[in-house]
């Protein structure tokens, strides 16, 4: 049978597709622009999006397992509701859903609340689901690497409580493992939730110290100022989204993103290898900067 992947052109989605293909799964992806969707040979691409009912129904034809990833948009919850309704209508009963860690606690942050709502919908609608709850993505910091390297500042206001930052490759691999486990099961499996975290829980000063070490010069932490963070983001993204990012940063500062007992050991056992660490990411960026 074929597994349907949404959000397949992003950092996480591409890793999910790659991992599924490596494991011999048949994969179908839903893409707004198939011409720009460069996937491994054999991946089937269906043109459409999560609010296009006709394309959704076509994408779900013959499918029983779904990887659902919703981007942070103003209509994210509507997309999730529509997709899950069409999925159930089409006979899908096995889902791996990309939520976010502490979705049940950080409910003042819109996309956290949306994801917690989708989690409840999966439960109430009777899907057999794996809820993946990732922490802050290590890969997010690709967007600020030039600020770090060229201006000597780590600008993300992530606070002192610590974030258990996770690599998109680890997210993709765990998602693929769960999709195949559910796809190959003779029947619907019980639902479960997995926190996706990295091996280290890092504060803002911790991350700045890593960059200082790998670059061989001082890198300062920009401090805990979510309001200034919002102001900067609002210069190049919609103001509602900049405000949402501020609300998330405020929770970074007040609460952190802390793994539960046993999360790291559970993921390490699932993957059969150590988790990717932030230091490895920073070391690769630093090596490329020095070469340039």
C-alpha atoms as a PDB file:
ATOM      1  CA  UNK A   1       0.000   0.000   0.000  1.00  0.00           C
ATOM      2  CA  UNK A   2       0.992   3.644  -0.513  1.00  0.00           C
ATOM      3  CA  UNK A   3       1.633   6.213   2.249  1.00  0.00           C
ATOM      4  CA  UNK A   4       0.482   9.812   1.675  1.00  0.00           C
ATOM      5  CA  UNK A   5       2.793  12.594   2.860  1.00  0.00           C
ATOM      6  CA  UNK A   6       1.690  16.214   3.212  1.00  0.00           C
ATOM      7  CA  UNK A   7       4.099  19.098   3.747  1.00  0.00           C
ATOM      8  CA  UNK A   8       6.610  17.112   1.733  1.00  0.00           C
ATOM      9  CA  UNK A   9       8.624  20.036   0.348  1.00  0.00           C
ATOM     10  CA  UNK A  10       9.727  21.407   3.732  1.00  0.00           C
ATOM     11  CA  UNK A  11      12.751  20.365   5.775  1.00  0.00           C
ATOM     12  CA  UNK A  12      10.863  17.759   7.797  1.00  0.00           C
ATOM     13  CA  UNK A  13       8.663  16.498   4.977  1.00  0.00           C
ATOM     14  CA  UNK A  14      11.591  15.907   2.637  1.00  0.00           C
ATOM     15  CA  UNK A  15      13.295  13.838   5.303  1.00  0.00           C
ATOM     16  CA  UNK A  16      10.119  11.811   5.843  1.00  0.00           C
ATOM     17  CA  UNK A  17       9.863  11.063   2.110  1.00  0.00           C
ATOM     18  CA  UNK A  18      13.545  10.154   1.860  1.00  0.00           C
ATOM     19  CA  UNK A  19      13.372   7.831   4.851  1.00  0.00           C
ATOM     20  CA  UNK A  20      10.237   6.122   3.558  1.00  0.00           C
ATOM     21  CA  UNK A  21      11.807   5.562   0.136  1.00  0.00           C
ATOM     22  CA  UNK A  22      14.973   4.155   1.729  1.00  0.00           C
ATOM     23  CA  UNK A  23      12.787   1.673   3.610  1.00  0.00           C
ATOM     24  CA  UNK A  24      11.060   0.503   0.437  1.00  0.00           C
ATOM     25  CA  UNK A  25       7.696   2.186   1.004  1.00  0.00           C
ATOM     26  CA  UNK A  26       5.482   3.396  -1.822  1.00  0.00           C
ATOM     27  CA  UNK A  27       5.047   7.155  -1.333  1.00  0.00           C
ATOM     28  CA  UNK A  28       2.563   9.691  -2.651  1.00  0.00           C
ATOM     29  CA  UNK A  29       2.927  13.408  -1.900  1.00  0.00           C
ATOM     30  CA  UNK A  30       0.475  16.282  -2.203  1.00  0.00           C
ATOM     31  CA  UNK A  31       2.115  19.399  -3.685  1.00  0.00           C
ATOM     32  CA  UNK A  32       0.833  22.770  -4.858  1.00  0.00           C
ATOM     33  CA  UNK A  33       3.468  22.854  -7.603  1.00  0.00           C
ATOM     34  CA  UNK A  34       4.633  19.408  -8.754  1.00  0.00           C
ATOM     35  CA  UNK A  35       7.109  21.022 -11.181  1.00  0.00           C
ATOM     36  CA  UNK A  36       9.106  22.317  -8.203  1.00  0.00           C
ATOM     37  CA  UNK A  37       8.809  19.125  -6.172  1.00  0.00           C
ATOM     38  CA  UNK A  38      12.076  17.251  -6.668  1.00  0.00           C
ATOM     39  CA  UNK A  39      11.600  13.861  -5.031  1.00  0.00           C
ATOM     40  CA  UNK A  40      13.324  10.483  -5.362  1.00  0.00           C
ATOM     41  CA  UNK A  41      12.414   8.337  -8.349  1.00  0.00           C
ATOM     42  CA  UNK A  42       9.168   6.466  -7.892  1.00  0.00           C
ATOM     43  CA  UNK A  43       7.504   9.026  -5.614  1.00  0.00           C
ATOM     44  CA  UNK A  44       4.032   9.843  -6.932  1.00  0.00           C
ATOM     45  CA  UNK A  45       3.097  13.542  -6.851  1.00  0.00           C
ATOM     46  CA  UNK A  46      -0.505  14.766  -6.767  1.00  0.00           C
ATOM     47  CA  UNK A  47      -1.154  18.445  -7.499  1.00  0.00           C
ATOM     48  CA  UNK A  48      -3.283  20.204  -4.905  1.00  0.00           C
ATOM     49  CA  UNK A  49      -3.432  21.496  -1.353  1.00  0.00           C
ATOM     50  CA  UNK A  50      -5.206  20.855   1.923  1.00  0.00           C
ATOM     51  CA  UNK A  51      -8.132  23.164   1.117  1.00  0.00           C
ATOM     52  CA  UNK A  52      -8.752  21.748  -2.364  1.00  0.00           C
ATOM     53  CA  UNK A  53     -11.321  19.024  -1.724  1.00  0.00           C
ATOM     54  CA  UNK A  54     -11.100  17.437  -5.162  1.00  0.00           C
ATOM     55  CA  UNK A  55      -7.322  17.119  -5.001  1.00  0.00           C
ATOM     56  CA  UNK A  56      -7.520  15.816  -1.437  1.00  0.00           C
ATOM     57  CA  UNK A  57      -9.947  13.112  -2.443  1.00  0.00           C
ATOM     58  CA  UNK A  58      -7.722  12.155  -5.362  1.00  0.00           C
ATOM     59  CA  UNK A  59      -4.660  12.072  -3.118  1.00  0.00           C
ATOM     60  CA  UNK A  60      -6.422   9.815  -0.586  1.00  0.00           C
ATOM     61  CA  UNK A  61      -7.580   7.282  -3.184  1.00  0.00           C
ATOM     62  CA  UNK A  62      -6.268   3.852  -2.160  1.00  0.00           C
ATOM     63  CA  UNK A  63      -4.540   5.250   0.951  1.00  0.00           C
ATOM     64  CA  UNK A  64      -4.851   3.994   4.517  1.00  0.00           C
ATOM     65  CA  UNK A  65      -1.830   5.743   6.121  1.00  0.00           C
ATOM     66  CA  UNK A  66      -1.179   9.503   6.277  1.00  0.00           C
ATOM     67  CA  UNK A  67       1.653  11.752   7.427  1.00  0.00           C
ATOM     68  CA  UNK A  68      -0.002  15.068   8.276  1.00  0.00           C
ATOM     69  CA  UNK A  69       2.113  18.191   8.537  1.00  0.00           C
ATOM     70  CA  UNK A  70       0.405  21.590   8.551  1.00  0.00           C
ATOM     71  CA  UNK A  71       2.442  24.728   7.991  1.00  0.00           C
ATOM     72  CA  UNK A  72       1.943  27.673  10.348  1.00  0.00           C
ATOM     73  CA  UNK A  73      -0.645  29.714   8.447  1.00  0.00           C
ATOM     74  CA  UNK A  74      -3.678  31.773   9.337  1.00  0.00           C
ATOM     75  CA  UNK A  75      -5.957  28.892   8.318  1.00  0.00           C
ATOM     76  CA  UNK A  76      -3.873  26.038   9.743  1.00  0.00           C
ATOM     77  CA  UNK A  77      -6.709  24.657  11.861  1.00  0.00           C
ATOM     78  CA  UNK A  78      -9.162  24.695   8.960  1.00  0.00           C
ATOM     79  CA  UNK A  79      -6.618  22.785   6.874  1.00  0.00           C
ATOM     80  CA  UNK A  80      -6.228  20.169   9.606  1.00  0.00           C
ATOM     81  CA  UNK A  81      -9.996  19.792  10.105  1.00  0.00           C
ATOM     82  CA  UNK A  82     -10.742  19.458   6.408  1.00  0.00           C
ATOM     83  CA  UNK A  83      -7.886  17.017   5.803  1.00  0.00           C
ATOM     84  CA  UNK A  84      -8.835  14.722   8.674  1.00  0.00           C
ATOM     85  CA  UNK A  85     -12.490  14.717   7.669  1.00  0.00           C
ATOM     86  CA  UNK A  86     -11.640  13.816   4.065  1.00  0.00           C
ATOM     87  CA  UNK A  87      -9.150  11.229   5.334  1.00  0.00           C
ATOM     88  CA  UNK A  88     -11.794   9.481   7.419  1.00  0.00           C
ATOM     89  CA  UNK A  89     -14.319   9.737   4.589  1.00  0.00           C
ATOM     90  CA  UNK A  90     -11.734   8.049   2.319  1.00  0.00           C
ATOM     91  CA  UNK A  91     -11.079   5.152   4.706  1.00  0.00           C
ATOM     92  CA  UNK A  92      -7.774   6.309   6.189  1.00  0.00           C
ATOM     93  CA  UNK A  93      -7.394   5.080   9.760  1.00  0.00           C
ATOM     94  CA  UNK A  94      -3.631   5.329  10.409  1.00  0.00           C
ATOM     95  CA  UNK A  95      -2.034   8.740  10.925  1.00  0.00           C
ATOM     96  CA  UNK A  96       1.305  10.130  11.998  1.00  0.00           C
ATOM     97  CA  UNK A  97       0.697  13.769  12.938  1.00  0.00           C
ATOM     98  CA  UNK A  98       3.398  16.391  13.446  1.00  0.00           C
ATOM     99  CA  UNK A  99       2.347  18.382  16.487  1.00  0.00           C
ATOM    100  CA  UNK A 100       4.673  20.286  18.845  1.00  0.00           C
ATOM    101  CA  UNK A 101       6.063  19.640  22.312  1.00  0.00           C
ATOM    102  CA  UNK A 102       3.966  21.118  25.156  1.00  0.00           C
ATOM    103  CA  UNK A 103       1.026  21.626  22.762  1.00  0.00           C
ATOM    104  CA  UNK A 104      -1.302  20.982  25.702  1.00  0.00           C
ATOM    105  CA  UNK A 105       0.386  23.660  27.855  1.00  0.00           C
ATOM    106  CA  UNK A 106       1.411  26.502  25.545  1.00  0.00           C
ATOM    107  CA  UNK A 107      -2.176  27.057  24.424  1.00  0.00           C
ATOM    108  CA  UNK A 108      -1.882  30.856  24.236  1.00  0.00           C
ATOM    109  CA  UNK A 109       0.418  30.358  21.213  1.00  0.00           C
ATOM    110  CA  UNK A 110      -1.923  29.956  18.217  1.00  0.00           C
ATOM    111  CA  UNK A 111      -0.133  27.187  16.335  1.00  0.00           C
ATOM    112  CA  UNK A 112       0.372  25.218  19.562  1.00  0.00           C
ATOM    113  CA  UNK A 113      -3.349  25.503  20.311  1.00  0.00           C
ATOM    114  CA  UNK A 114      -4.162  24.456  16.738  1.00  0.00           C
ATOM    115  CA  UNK A 115      -2.015  21.367  17.023  1.00  0.00           C
ATOM    116  CA  UNK A 116      -3.520  20.424  20.361  1.00  0.00           C
ATOM    117  CA  UNK A 117      -6.949  20.795  18.767  1.00  0.00           C
ATOM    118  CA  UNK A 118      -5.916  18.472  15.940  1.00  0.00           C
ATOM    119  CA  UNK A 119      -4.614  15.965  18.505  1.00  0.00           C
ATOM    120  CA  UNK A 120      -8.025  15.940  20.195  1.00  0.00           C
ATOM    121  CA  UNK A 121      -9.722  15.565  16.813  1.00  0.00           C
ATOM    122  CA  UNK A 122      -7.593  12.525  15.985  1.00  0.00           C
ATOM    123  CA  UNK A 123      -8.651  10.954  19.272  1.00  0.00           C
ATOM    124  CA  UNK A 124     -12.341  11.822  18.988  1.00  0.00           C
ATOM    125  CA  UNK A 125     -12.591  10.671  15.354  1.00  0.00           C
ATOM    126  CA  UNK A 126     -11.136   7.266  16.175  1.00  0.00           C
ATOM    127  CA  UNK A 127      -7.906   7.347  14.177  1.00  0.00           C
ATOM    128  CA  UNK A 128      -5.010   5.148  15.212  1.00  0.00           C
ATOM    129  CA  UNK A 129      -2.379   7.856  15.461  1.00  0.00           C
ATOM    130  CA  UNK A 130       1.167   8.549  16.475  1.00  0.00           C
ATOM    131  CA  UNK A 131       1.396  12.131  17.709  1.00  0.00           C
ATOM    132  CA  UNK A 132       4.927  13.436  17.183  1.00  0.00           C
ATOM    133  CA  UNK A 133       5.705  16.405  19.416  1.00  0.00           C
ATOM    134  CA  UNK A 134       9.003  17.965  18.341  1.00  0.00           C
ATOM    135  CA  UNK A 135      10.886  20.618  20.249  1.00  0.00           C
ATOM    136  CA  UNK A 136      12.533  23.614  18.562  1.00  0.00           C
ATOM    137  CA  UNK A 137      14.115  22.578  15.266  1.00  0.00           C
ATOM    138  CA  UNK A 138      17.908  22.842  15.121  1.00  0.00           C
ATOM    139  CA  UNK A 139      17.453  23.546  11.404  1.00  0.00           C
ATOM    140  CA  UNK A 140      15.569  26.775  12.211  1.00  0.00           C
ATOM    141  CA  UNK A 141      18.932  28.328  12.965  1.00  0.00           C
ATOM    142  CA  UNK A 142      19.952  28.073   9.312  1.00  0.00           C
ATOM    143  CA  UNK A 143      17.961  31.298   8.908  1.00  0.00           C
ATOM    144  CA  UNK A 144      20.191  33.173  11.385  1.00  0.00           C
ATOM    145  CA  UNK A 145      23.593  31.661  10.608  1.00  0.00           C
ATOM    146  CA  UNK A 146      24.763  34.826   8.825  1.00  0.00           C
ATOM    147  CA  UNK A 147      23.898  36.932  11.870  1.00  0.00           C
ATOM    148  CA  UNK A 148      25.912  34.582  14.066  1.00  0.00           C
ATOM    149  CA  UNK A 149      28.904  34.296  11.757  1.00  0.00           C
ATOM    150  CA  UNK A 150      29.059  37.878  10.497  1.00  0.00           C
ATOM    151  CA  UNK A 151      27.813  39.867  13.485  1.00  0.00           C
ATOM    152  CA  UNK A 152      28.888  37.735  16.446  1.00  0.00           C
ATOM    153  CA  UNK A 153      25.446  37.429  18.044  1.00  0.00           C
ATOM    154  CA  UNK A 154      23.082  34.522  18.630  1.00  0.00           C
ATOM    155  CA  UNK A 155      19.826  36.462  18.250  1.00  0.00           C
ATOM    156  CA  UNK A 156      17.090  33.949  19.151  1.00  0.00           C
ATOM    157  CA  UNK A 157      15.507  34.828  22.526  1.00  0.00           C
ATOM    158  CA  UNK A 158      15.330  31.253  23.817  1.00  0.00           C
ATOM    159  CA  UNK A 159      15.895  32.007  27.495  1.00  0.00           C
ATOM    160  CA  UNK A 160      17.725  30.250  30.288  1.00  0.00           C
ATOM    161  CA  UNK A 161      15.383  27.315  30.995  1.00  0.00           C
ATOM    162  CA  UNK A 162      16.636  25.448  27.927  1.00  0.00           C
ATOM    163  CA  UNK A 163      15.319  23.953  24.688  1.00  0.00           C
ATOM    164  CA  UNK A 164      15.901  20.299  23.778  1.00  0.00           C
ATOM    165  CA  UNK A 165      16.558  21.205  20.133  1.00  0.00           C
ATOM    166  CA  UNK A 166      15.896  18.434  17.605  1.00  0.00           C
ATOM    167  CA  UNK A 167      17.306  17.801  14.135  1.00  0.00           C
ATOM    168  CA  UNK A 168      14.870  17.497  11.199  1.00  0.00           C
ATOM    169  CA  UNK A 169      16.647  14.297  10.120  1.00  0.00           C
ATOM    170  CA  UNK A 170      15.731  12.644  13.405  1.00  0.00           C
ATOM    171  CA  UNK A 171      12.127  13.835  13.091  1.00  0.00           C
ATOM    172  CA  UNK A 172      11.890  12.440   9.577  1.00  0.00           C
ATOM    173  CA  UNK A 173      13.330   9.081  10.523  1.00  0.00           C
ATOM    174  CA  UNK A 174      11.079   8.582  13.542  1.00  0.00           C
ATOM    175  CA  UNK A 175       8.078   9.585  11.428  1.00  0.00           C
ATOM    176  CA  UNK A 176       9.009   7.035   8.756  1.00  0.00           C
ATOM    177  CA  UNK A 177       9.472   4.285  11.335  1.00  0.00           C
ATOM    178  CA  UNK A 178       6.035   4.990  12.778  1.00  0.00           C
ATOM    179  CA  UNK A 179       4.347   5.269   9.381  1.00  0.00           C
ATOM    180  CA  UNK A 180       5.683   1.918   8.258  1.00  0.00           C
ATOM    181  CA  UNK A 181       4.872   0.282  11.603  1.00  0.00           C
ATOM    182  CA  UNK A 182       1.267   1.418  11.316  1.00  0.00           C
ATOM    183  CA  UNK A 183       1.016   0.715   7.566  1.00  0.00           C
ATOM    184  CA  UNK A 184       2.230  -2.864   7.980  1.00  0.00           C
ATOM    185  CA  UNK A 185       0.104  -3.676  11.030  1.00  0.00           C
ATOM    186  CA  UNK A 186      -2.789  -6.085  10.343  1.00  0.00           C
ATOM    187  CA  UNK A 187      -5.175  -3.635  12.015  1.00  0.00           C
ATOM    188  CA  UNK A 188      -5.389  -0.206  13.570  1.00  0.00           C
ATOM    189  CA  UNK A 189      -2.873   0.194  16.399  1.00  0.00           C
ATOM    190  CA  UNK A 190      -3.449   2.101  19.658  1.00  0.00           C
ATOM    191  CA  UNK A 191      -2.586   5.796  19.578  1.00  0.00           C
ATOM    192  CA  UNK A 192       0.521   7.128  21.295  1.00  0.00           C
ATOM    193  CA  UNK A 193       2.503  10.327  21.723  1.00  0.00           C
ATOM    194  CA  UNK A 194       6.263  10.670  21.216  1.00  0.00           C
ATOM    195  CA  UNK A 195       8.259  13.730  22.249  1.00  0.00           C
ATOM    196  CA  UNK A 196      10.952  14.465  19.658  1.00  0.00           C
ATOM    197  CA  UNK A 197      13.953  16.070  21.328  1.00  0.00           C
ATOM    198  CA  UNK A 198      17.685  16.388  20.916  1.00  0.00           C
ATOM    199  CA  UNK A 199      20.376  14.962  23.192  1.00  0.00           C
ATOM    200  CA  UNK A 200      21.036  18.308  24.928  1.00  0.00           C
ATOM    201  CA  UNK A 201      18.785  20.904  26.552  1.00  0.00           C
ATOM    202  CA  UNK A 202      20.402  24.250  25.756  1.00  0.00           C
ATOM    203  CA  UNK A 203      19.865  27.792  27.011  1.00  0.00           C
ATOM    204  CA  UNK A 204      20.631  30.942  25.024  1.00  0.00           C
ATOM    205  CA  UNK A 205      24.035  31.353  26.720  1.00  0.00           C
ATOM    206  CA  UNK A 206      24.747  27.632  26.132  1.00  0.00           C
ATOM    207  CA  UNK A 207      24.148  28.004  22.385  1.00  0.00           C
ATOM    208  CA  UNK A 208      26.273  31.163  22.224  1.00  0.00           C
ATOM    209  CA  UNK A 209      29.087  29.280  23.985  1.00  0.00           C
ATOM    210  CA  UNK A 210      28.911  26.473  21.416  1.00  0.00           C
ATOM    211  CA  UNK A 211      29.193  28.983  18.577  1.00  0.00           C
ATOM    212  CA  UNK A 212      32.092  30.724  20.333  1.00  0.00           C
ATOM    213  CA  UNK A 213      33.892  27.410  20.604  1.00  0.00           C
ATOM    214  CA  UNK A 214      33.382  26.220  17.021  1.00  0.00           C
ATOM    215  CA  UNK A 215      34.110  29.625  15.455  1.00  0.00           C
ATOM    216  CA  UNK A 216      37.062  30.334  17.718  1.00  0.00           C
ATOM    217  CA  UNK A 217      35.866  33.834  18.670  1.00  0.00           C
ATOM    218  CA  UNK A 218      33.331  35.294  21.088  1.00  0.00           C
ATOM    219  CA  UNK A 219      29.661  35.016  20.131  1.00  0.00           C
ATOM    220  CA  UNK A 220      27.264  36.876  22.406  1.00  0.00           C
ATOM    221  CA  UNK A 221      23.756  35.847  23.358  1.00  0.00           C
ATOM    222  CA  UNK A 222      21.339  38.555  22.240  1.00  0.00           C
ATOM    223  CA  UNK A 223      19.244  38.283  25.377  1.00  0.00           C
ATOM    224  CA  UNK A 224      15.650  37.584  26.334  1.00  0.00           C
ATOM    225  CA  UNK A 225      13.596  40.211  24.517  1.00  0.00           C
ATOM    226  CA  UNK A 226      10.594  38.690  22.718  1.00  0.00           C
ATOM    227  CA  UNK A 227       9.159  42.154  22.019  1.00  0.00           C
ATOM    228  CA  UNK A 228      12.251  43.180  20.053  1.00  0.00           C
ATOM    229  CA  UNK A 229      12.154  39.799  18.322  1.00  0.00           C
ATOM    230  CA  UNK A 230       8.587  40.497  17.194  1.00  0.00           C
ATOM    231  CA  UNK A 231       9.533  43.968  15.943  1.00  0.00           C
ATOM    232  CA  UNK A 232      12.351  42.556  13.839  1.00  0.00           C
ATOM    233  CA  UNK A 233      10.211  39.765  12.379  1.00  0.00           C
ATOM    234  CA  UNK A 234       7.410  42.186  11.518  1.00  0.00           C
ATOM    235  CA  UNK A 235       9.733  43.888   9.060  1.00  0.00           C
ATOM    236  CA  UNK A 236       9.608  40.896   6.707  1.00  0.00           C
ATOM    237  CA  UNK A 237       6.625  38.705   7.664  1.00  0.00           C
ATOM    238  CA  UNK A 238       2.928  39.301   8.388  1.00  0.00           C
ATOM    239  CA  UNK A 239       2.411  41.078  11.698  1.00  0.00           C
ATOM    240  CA  UNK A 240       0.102  38.371  13.008  1.00  0.00           C
ATOM    241  CA  UNK A 241       2.840  35.790  12.449  1.00  0.00           C
ATOM    242  CA  UNK A 242       5.508  37.984  14.043  1.00  0.00           C
ATOM    243  CA  UNK A 243       3.252  38.368  17.082  1.00  0.00           C
ATOM    244  CA  UNK A 244       2.709  34.619  17.220  1.00  0.00           C
ATOM    245  CA  UNK A 245       6.481  34.072  17.164  1.00  0.00           C
ATOM    246  CA  UNK A 246       6.774  36.542  20.047  1.00  0.00           C
ATOM    247  CA  UNK A 247       4.228  34.573  22.067  1.00  0.00           C
ATOM    248  CA  UNK A 248       6.235  31.411  21.418  1.00  0.00           C
ATOM    249  CA  UNK A 249       9.485  33.105  22.447  1.00  0.00           C
ATOM    250  CA  UNK A 250       7.846  34.263  25.661  1.00  0.00           C
ATOM    251  CA  UNK A 251       7.098  30.639  26.492  1.00  0.00           C
ATOM    252  CA  UNK A 252      10.697  29.699  25.629  1.00  0.00           C
ATOM    253  CA  UNK A 253      11.813  32.237  28.211  1.00  0.00           C
ATOM    254  CA  UNK A 254       9.244  31.400  30.886  1.00  0.00           C
ATOM    255  CA  UNK A 255       9.066  27.607  30.496  1.00  0.00           C
ATOM    256  CA  UNK A 256      11.666  26.295  28.062  1.00  0.00           C
ATOM    257  CA  UNK A 257      11.113  23.116  26.045  1.00  0.00           C
ATOM    258  CA  UNK A 258      12.139  20.390  28.441  1.00  0.00           C
ATOM    259  CA  UNK A 259      12.123  16.684  27.544  1.00  0.00           C
ATOM    260  CA  UNK A 260      10.337  14.177  29.717  1.00  0.00           C
ATOM    261  CA  UNK A 261      12.081  11.422  31.610  1.00  0.00           C
ATOM    262  CA  UNK A 262      13.220   8.771  29.175  1.00  0.00           C
ATOM    263  CA  UNK A 263      12.569  10.764  25.971  1.00  0.00           C
ATOM    264  CA  UNK A 264      16.189  10.744  24.792  1.00  0.00           C
ATOM    265  CA  UNK A 265      16.656   7.056  25.623  1.00  0.00           C
ATOM    266  CA  UNK A 266      13.413   6.137  23.823  1.00  0.00           C
ATOM    267  CA  UNK A 267      14.411   7.954  20.644  1.00  0.00           C
ATOM    268  CA  UNK A 268      17.952   6.587  20.721  1.00  0.00           C
ATOM    269  CA  UNK A 269      16.549   3.066  20.962  1.00  0.00           C
ATOM    270  CA  UNK A 270      14.076   3.665  18.123  1.00  0.00           C
ATOM    271  CA  UNK A 271      16.778   5.000  15.808  1.00  0.00           C
ATOM    272  CA  UNK A 272      19.521   2.626  16.908  1.00  0.00           C
ATOM    273  CA  UNK A 273      22.009   5.479  16.993  1.00  0.00           C
ATOM    274  CA  UNK A 274      22.740   8.714  18.896  1.00  0.00           C
ATOM    275  CA  UNK A 275      20.561  11.738  18.196  1.00  0.00           C
ATOM    276  CA  UNK A 276      22.000  14.583  16.143  1.00  0.00           C
ATOM    277  CA  UNK A 277      23.396  17.297  18.409  1.00  0.00           C
ATOM    278  CA  UNK A 278      23.343  21.080  18.049  1.00  0.00           C
ATOM    279  CA  UNK A 279      27.128  21.205  18.307  1.00  0.00           C
ATOM    280  CA  UNK A 280      27.450  19.052  15.186  1.00  0.00           C
ATOM    281  CA  UNK A 281      25.176  21.463  13.299  1.00  0.00           C
ATOM    282  CA  UNK A 282      27.182  24.477  14.457  1.00  0.00           C
ATOM    283  CA  UNK A 283      30.479  22.761  13.614  1.00  0.00           C
ATOM    284  CA  UNK A 284      29.324  22.161  10.012  1.00  0.00           C
ATOM    285  CA  UNK A 285      28.254  25.803   9.616  1.00  0.00           C
ATOM    286  CA  UNK A 286      31.513  27.038  11.112  1.00  0.00           C
ATOM    287  CA  UNK A 287      33.600  24.829   8.832  1.00  0.00           C
ATOM    288  CA  UNK A 288      31.763  26.141   5.772  1.00  0.00           C
ATOM    289  CA  UNK A 289      32.204  29.738   6.948  1.00  0.00           C
ATOM    290  CA  UNK A 290      35.937  29.275   7.442  1.00  0.00           C
ATOM    291  CA  UNK A 291      36.285  27.702   3.985  1.00  0.00           C
ATOM    292  CA  UNK A 292      34.405  30.608   2.409  1.00  0.00           C
END
